[in-house]
């Protein structure tokens, strides 16, 4: 039981780290506006403005750590289960963050998609 919890705990941690990292970067991107540099210098300044936020730095660190956590989980479970579950849960977690914090729309089709993804993850696990 301990190995089971450790394996799934590391996989879930990789999902949370990845999703949170992407999410906080997206929050800052919303503040900075769309990336449209006319010159290399403008692109560099855009990137530097993005990285001024400590939350973005944390997001980048978490986004960097997530694959290492996934590797640990992958060493303990089947690729045919680990990868689809990780991708599916990432999608669900990010969609929920986008809807509840960024106020993005949640349509009936998105709800059906979430249900289907969670059902797919369930059927892969059992």
Protein backbone atom coordinates (compact mmCIF):
# COMPACT_ATOMS: atom_id res chain seq x y z
CA UNK A 1 0.00 0.00 0.00
CA UNK A 2 2.86 2.39 0.83
CA UNK A 3 4.41 1.86 -2.64
CA UNK A 4 1.03 2.43 -4.29
CA UNK A 5 0.52 5.72 -2.45
CA UNK A 6 4.09 6.83 -3.15
CA UNK A 7 3.80 6.03 -6.86
CA UNK A 8 0.48 7.80 -7.36
CA UNK A 9 1.48 10.62 -5.02
CA UNK A 10 4.56 11.40 -7.11
CA UNK A 11 2.50 11.25 -10.30
CA UNK A 12 -0.11 13.62 -8.86
CA UNK A 13 2.65 15.93 -7.59
CA UNK A 14 4.12 16.06 -11.11
CA UNK A 15 0.68 17.01 -12.46
CA UNK A 16 0.19 19.74 -9.84
CA UNK A 17 3.71 21.14 -10.30
CA UNK A 18 3.36 21.18 -14.10
CA UNK A 19 -0.13 22.67 -14.11
CA UNK A 20 0.62 25.28 -11.45
CA UNK A 21 3.83 26.27 -13.25
CA UNK A 22 2.01 26.77 -16.55
CA UNK A 23 -0.86 28.56 -14.81
CA UNK A 24 1.22 31.19 -13.02
CA UNK A 25 3.18 31.84 -16.21
CA UNK A 26 -0.15 32.35 -18.02
CA UNK A 27 -1.28 34.80 -15.33
CA UNK A 28 1.81 36.92 -15.95
CA UNK A 29 1.43 36.60 -19.74
CA UNK A 30 -2.07 38.02 -19.40
CA UNK A 31 -0.56 41.03 -17.63
CA UNK A 32 2.26 41.47 -20.18
CA UNK A 33 0.06 41.04 -23.24
CA UNK A 34 0.64 38.99 -26.35
CA UNK A 35 4.21 38.27 -27.46
CA UNK A 36 4.78 40.40 -30.60
CA UNK A 37 8.39 41.51 -30.73
CA UNK A 38 9.49 43.34 -33.87
CA UNK A 39 13.14 42.98 -32.90
CA UNK A 40 15.30 40.61 -30.89
CA UNK A 41 15.78 43.37 -28.32
CA UNK A 42 11.99 43.71 -27.87
CA UNK A 43 11.74 39.94 -27.40
CA UNK A 44 14.45 39.98 -24.74
CA UNK A 45 12.74 42.86 -22.89
CA UNK A 46 9.43 40.99 -23.01
CA UNK A 47 11.05 37.90 -21.50
CA UNK A 48 12.79 39.96 -18.80
CA UNK A 49 9.51 41.68 -17.90
CA UNK A 50 7.91 38.27 -17.62
CA UNK A 51 10.66 36.98 -15.33
CA UNK A 52 10.43 39.97 -12.93
CA UNK A 53 7.59 38.25 -11.11
CA UNK A 54 8.69 35.96 -8.26
CA UNK A 55 5.56 33.91 -8.91
CA UNK A 56 6.69 33.29 -12.50
CA UNK A 57 10.13 32.26 -11.26
CA UNK A 58 8.42 29.82 -8.91
CA UNK A 59 6.27 28.61 -11.81
CA UNK A 60 9.33 28.00 -13.98
CA UNK A 61 11.01 26.08 -11.15
CA UNK A 62 7.92 23.92 -10.59
CA UNK A 63 7.55 23.39 -14.35
CA UNK A 64 11.21 22.27 -14.40
CA UNK A 65 10.79 19.88 -11.43
CA UNK A 66 7.60 18.24 -12.77
CA UNK A 67 9.33 16.01 -15.37
CA UNK A 68 11.68 14.67 -12.72
CA UNK A 69 8.74 13.72 -10.51
CA UNK A 70 7.06 12.14 -13.52
CA UNK A 71 10.24 10.13 -14.17
CA UNK A 72 10.11 8.77 -10.63
CA UNK A 73 6.47 7.76 -11.09
CA UNK A 74 7.25 6.30 -14.52
CA UNK A 75 10.00 4.13 -13.03
CA UNK A 76 7.36 2.59 -10.76
CA UNK A 77 4.44 2.13 -13.17
CA UNK A 78 3.49 1.30 -16.72
CA UNK A 79 3.97 3.94 -19.41
CA UNK A 80 0.56 3.02 -20.84
CA UNK A 81 -1.03 4.16 -17.57
CA UNK A 82 1.31 6.89 -16.32
CA UNK A 83 1.45 9.08 -19.41
CA UNK A 84 -2.26 9.18 -20.31
CA UNK A 85 -3.22 9.78 -16.67
CA UNK A 86 -0.63 12.54 -16.34
CA UNK A 87 -1.75 14.28 -19.54
CA UNK A 88 -5.45 13.87 -18.74
CA UNK A 89 -5.16 15.14 -15.18
CA UNK A 90 -3.01 18.05 -16.37
CA UNK A 91 -5.76 19.04 -18.77
CA UNK A 92 -8.49 18.75 -16.16
CA UNK A 93 -6.52 20.64 -13.50
CA UNK A 94 -5.58 23.47 -15.89
CA UNK A 95 -9.11 23.73 -17.24
CA UNK A 96 -10.50 24.08 -13.74
CA UNK A 97 -7.91 26.73 -12.83
CA UNK A 98 -8.71 28.61 -16.04
CA UNK A 99 -12.44 28.51 -15.39
CA UNK A 100 -12.42 29.41 -11.70
CA UNK A 101 -9.54 31.87 -11.56
CA UNK A 102 -9.17 33.28 -15.10
CA UNK A 103 -12.95 33.22 -15.60
CA UNK A 104 -12.65 31.36 -18.91
CA UNK A 105 -15.85 29.80 -20.22
CA UNK A 106 -17.00 26.30 -19.28
CA UNK A 107 -19.31 24.85 -21.89
CA UNK A 108 -21.31 21.66 -21.77
CA UNK A 109 -18.84 20.10 -24.21
CA UNK A 110 -15.93 20.93 -21.89
CA UNK A 111 -17.78 19.35 -18.97
CA UNK A 112 -18.42 16.23 -21.06
CA UNK A 113 -14.74 16.24 -22.05
CA UNK A 114 -13.66 16.40 -18.39
CA UNK A 115 -15.98 13.52 -17.52
CA UNK A 116 -14.67 11.44 -20.41
CA UNK A 117 -11.04 12.12 -19.49
CA UNK A 118 -11.66 11.17 -15.85
CA UNK A 119 -13.51 8.03 -16.95
CA UNK A 120 -10.63 7.17 -19.27
CA UNK A 121 -8.14 7.58 -16.41
CA UNK A 122 -10.32 5.44 -14.19
CA UNK A 123 -10.55 2.65 -16.77
CA UNK A 124 -6.76 2.72 -17.27
CA UNK A 125 -6.16 2.33 -13.54
CA UNK A 126 -8.62 -0.51 -12.79
